[in-house]
């Protein structure tokens, strides 16, 4: 069985006229808004091979005025998270054999976790370091959560926990990242209990 991997990318086009497709998007890699085309990709990985199986262009047809900044902004009919869920559902309808959905922290929401597990699949997701987790069922019930970056566990070791706002037990582990922005990252995956 394979893994379905989701990520988005922005093809920056600073000098092109703005439209619903060519508009401003937040680029989490550079930490700033850029004008360009935002593309959500689904890559299928199995037995050492990877192939693209779906993509969606992020369109923002609705313009509105941000009351705080008084700037005209754009908004889509659906969010990237909704697009991802639609793509997962399409892959399931097309009988693509995958057990896991792998995604970055942008997609690490309880709604996505529930959607994936309710479809009989599991997830592996990056977490932002400020996400809250309880390490025991008792702590979860008493709402005693700690930030994931305050957990003390050695790398390559996973601990069972409960994310704030998510009722199912998950496994959390620390993972060193080779990126410009962080030396330490956190990963979560659904634990079959």
Protein backbone atom coordinates (compact mmCIF):
# COMPACT_ATOMS: atom_id res chain seq x y z
CA UNK A 1 0.00 0.00 0.00
CA UNK A 2 1.13 3.49 -0.74
CA UNK A 3 1.28 6.94 0.77
CA UNK A 4 -0.56 9.98 -0.57
CA UNK A 5 1.61 13.09 -0.08
CA UNK A 6 0.20 16.62 -0.15
CA UNK A 7 2.10 19.86 -0.53
CA UNK A 8 1.49 23.20 -2.13
CA UNK A 9 3.86 25.35 -4.11
CA UNK A 10 3.76 28.88 -5.43
CA UNK A 11 5.11 29.83 -8.84
CA UNK A 12 5.95 33.47 -8.23
CA UNK A 13 4.95 35.91 -11.01
CA UNK A 14 5.64 39.36 -9.55
CA UNK A 15 5.10 41.31 -12.78
CA UNK A 16 1.96 39.60 -14.11
CA UNK A 17 -1.44 41.29 -13.84
CA UNK A 18 -3.54 40.11 -10.91
CA UNK A 19 -6.50 37.78 -11.46
CA UNK A 20 -8.36 35.05 -9.54
CA UNK A 21 -5.54 32.64 -10.45
CA UNK A 22 -2.61 35.06 -10.43
CA UNK A 23 -2.94 36.62 -6.99
CA UNK A 24 -1.33 37.03 -3.61
CA UNK A 25 -0.63 33.95 -1.46
CA UNK A 26 1.22 33.53 1.81
CA UNK A 27 4.47 31.65 1.18
CA UNK A 28 5.35 29.85 4.43
CA UNK A 29 8.85 29.07 3.12
CA UNK A 30 9.80 32.73 2.70
CA UNK A 31 7.46 34.02 5.44
CA UNK A 32 5.86 36.65 3.19
CA UNK A 33 3.05 37.18 0.71
CA UNK A 34 3.99 36.67 -2.93
CA UNK A 35 2.05 37.15 -6.16
CA UNK A 36 1.82 34.06 -8.30
CA UNK A 37 0.06 30.79 -9.00
CA UNK A 38 -0.57 28.51 -6.01
CA UNK A 39 -0.73 24.81 -6.82
CA UNK A 40 -1.77 21.99 -4.47
CA UNK A 41 -0.16 18.67 -5.44
CA UNK A 42 -0.94 15.06 -4.53
CA UNK A 43 1.93 12.64 -5.03
CA UNK A 44 1.48 8.87 -4.72
CA UNK A 45 4.48 6.99 -3.33
CA UNK A 46 4.68 3.19 -3.33
CA UNK A 47 7.53 0.66 -3.57
CA UNK A 48 10.17 3.34 -4.03
CA UNK A 49 8.38 5.07 -6.90
CA UNK A 50 6.50 8.38 -6.83
CA UNK A 51 3.99 9.66 -9.35
CA UNK A 52 1.73 12.73 -9.34
CA UNK A 53 -1.92 11.71 -9.16
CA UNK A 54 -3.77 15.00 -8.70
CA UNK A 55 -3.34 18.74 -8.54
CA UNK A 56 -5.57 21.76 -8.03
CA UNK A 57 -4.92 25.38 -8.84
CA UNK A 58 -5.86 27.63 -5.92
CA UNK A 59 -8.23 30.30 -7.26
CA UNK A 60 -9.45 33.36 -5.38
CA UNK A 61 -12.35 34.85 -7.35
CA UNK A 62 -13.87 36.96 -4.54
CA UNK A 63 -12.49 40.39 -3.72
CA UNK A 64 -13.16 42.08 -0.39
CA UNK A 65 -11.84 44.96 1.68
CA UNK A 66 -9.89 44.13 4.83
CA UNK A 67 -11.36 46.54 7.38
CA UNK A 68 -8.16 46.73 9.44
CA UNK A 69 -5.74 47.43 6.61
CA UNK A 70 -8.27 48.91 4.14
CA UNK A 71 -6.61 46.84 1.43
CA UNK A 72 -8.43 44.90 -1.26
CA UNK A 73 -7.81 41.18 -0.80
CA UNK A 74 -8.96 37.99 -2.50
CA UNK A 75 -10.64 34.89 -1.16
CA UNK A 76 -11.38 31.50 -2.69
CA UNK A 77 -14.65 29.60 -2.88
CA UNK A 78 -12.91 26.77 -1.03
CA UNK A 79 -9.82 26.61 1.18
CA UNK A 80 -6.68 24.58 0.46
CA UNK A 81 -7.78 22.23 3.24
CA UNK A 82 -11.13 21.68 1.52
CA UNK A 83 -9.31 21.11 -1.79
CA UNK A 84 -7.10 18.50 -0.13
CA UNK A 85 -10.11 16.66 1.29
CA UNK A 86 -11.77 16.68 -2.15
CA UNK A 87 -8.58 15.27 -3.69
CA UNK A 88 -8.39 12.51 -1.07
CA UNK A 89 -12.03 11.58 -1.73
CA UNK A 90 -11.32 11.44 -5.48
CA UNK A 91 -8.30 9.19 -4.94
CA UNK A 92 -10.45 6.85 -2.81
CA UNK A 93 -13.23 6.79 -5.46
CA UNK A 94 -10.56 5.98 -8.06
CA UNK A 95 -9.46 2.99 -5.92
CA UNK A 96 -5.92 4.29 -5.38
CA UNK A 97 -4.45 1.90 -2.78
CA UNK A 98 -3.04 4.02 0.05
CA UNK A 99 -3.09 3.70 3.82
CA UNK A 100 -1.42 6.97 4.83
CA UNK A 101 -1.79 10.65 4.00
CA UNK A 102 1.40 12.65 4.58
CA UNK A 103 1.07 16.43 4.97
CA UNK A 104 2.83 19.47 6.33
CA UNK A 105 1.70 21.61 9.26
CA UNK A 106 -0.52 23.78 7.03
CA UNK A 107 -2.93 20.82 6.79
CA UNK A 108 -2.61 19.63 10.43
CA UNK A 109 -6.15 20.36 11.52
CA UNK A 110 -8.59 18.27 13.51
CA UNK A 111 -11.09 18.48 10.64
CA UNK A 112 -8.55 16.95 8.25
CA UNK A 113 -7.53 14.29 10.78
CA UNK A 114 -11.16 13.25 11.29
CA UNK A 115 -11.84 13.24 7.55
CA UNK A 116 -8.85 10.96 6.88
CA UNK A 117 -9.52 8.52 9.72
CA UNK A 118 -13.25 8.38 8.91
CA UNK A 119 -12.24 7.27 5.40
CA UNK A 120 -10.34 4.34 6.94
CA UNK A 121 -6.90 5.87 6.37
CA UNK A 122 -4.14 7.08 8.68
CA UNK A 123 -2.16 10.31 8.68
CA UNK A 124 1.37 11.53 9.24
CA UNK A 125 1.63 15.28 9.72
CA UNK A 126 4.09 17.93 10.76
CA UNK A 127 3.11 20.01 13.78
CA UNK A 128 3.90 23.57 14.66
CA UNK A 129 5.85 23.76 17.91
CA UNK A 130 3.06 25.65 19.71
CA UNK A 131 0.47 22.85 19.33
CA UNK A 132 -0.83 21.59 22.67
CA UNK A 133 -0.77 17.94 23.71
CA UNK A 134 -1.76 15.95 26.82
CA UNK A 135 0.31 12.86 27.56
CA UNK A 136 -2.34 10.97 29.54
CA UNK A 137 -6.09 10.49 29.21
CA UNK A 138 -6.47 12.01 32.68
CA UNK A 139 -4.53 15.14 31.66
CA UNK A 140 -6.72 15.45 28.55
CA UNK A 141 -9.91 15.26 30.61
CA UNK A 142 -8.55 17.87 33.04
CA UNK A 143 -7.40 20.05 30.11
CA UNK A 144 -3.76 19.91 31.22
CA UNK A 145 -1.96 20.40 27.91
CA UNK A 146 1.64 21.33 27.22
CA UNK A 147 3.24 22.77 24.13
CA UNK A 148 4.74 20.09 21.92
CA UNK A 149 8.12 21.89 21.95
CA UNK A 150 8.20 21.54 25.76
CA UNK A 151 7.97 17.75 25.64
CA UNK A 152 11.13 15.99 26.71
CA UNK A 153 11.65 12.86 24.66
CA UNK A 154 14.65 11.64 22.71
CA UNK A 155 14.67 11.82 18.93
CA UNK A 156 13.41 8.67 17.19
CA UNK A 157 11.07 7.98 20.13
CA UNK A 158 7.32 8.46 19.89
CA UNK A 159 4.96 9.13 22.77
CA UNK A 160 1.21 8.64 22.85
CA UNK A 161 -0.78 11.79 23.44
CA UNK A 162 -3.95 13.72 22.70
CA UNK A 163 -3.89 16.96 20.76
CA UNK A 164 -6.02 19.73 22.17
CA UNK A 165 -9.31 19.64 20.28
CA UNK A 166 -8.78 16.14 18.88
CA UNK A 167 -10.35 13.22 20.75
CA UNK A 168 -8.32 10.32 19.32
CA UNK A 169 -4.94 9.22 20.64
CA UNK A 170 -1.99 10.00 18.38
CA UNK A 171 1.74 9.37 18.44
CA UNK A 172 4.04 12.40 18.64
CA UNK A 173 7.76 12.39 17.94
CA UNK A 174 10.58 14.88 17.55
CA UNK A 175 12.29 14.96 14.21
CA UNK A 176 15.38 16.93 13.26
CA UNK A 177 14.83 19.03 10.18
CA UNK A 178 17.48 20.15 7.73
CA UNK A 179 15.89 23.49 6.88
CA UNK A 180 16.89 27.12 7.02
CA UNK A 181 14.09 27.98 9.43
CA UNK A 182 14.25 25.29 12.12
CA UNK A 183 16.61 22.80 13.68
CA UNK A 184 13.85 20.85 15.38
CA UNK A 185 10.43 19.83 14.15
CA UNK A 186 7.58 17.70 15.40
CA UNK A 187 5.66 14.95 13.69
CA UNK A 188 2.36 13.37 14.58
CA UNK A 189 0.60 10.32 13.31
CA UNK A 190 -2.64 8.57 14.01
CA UNK A 191 -2.24 5.60 16.32
CA UNK A 192 -4.51 2.63 15.85
CA UNK A 193 -5.77 1.92 19.38
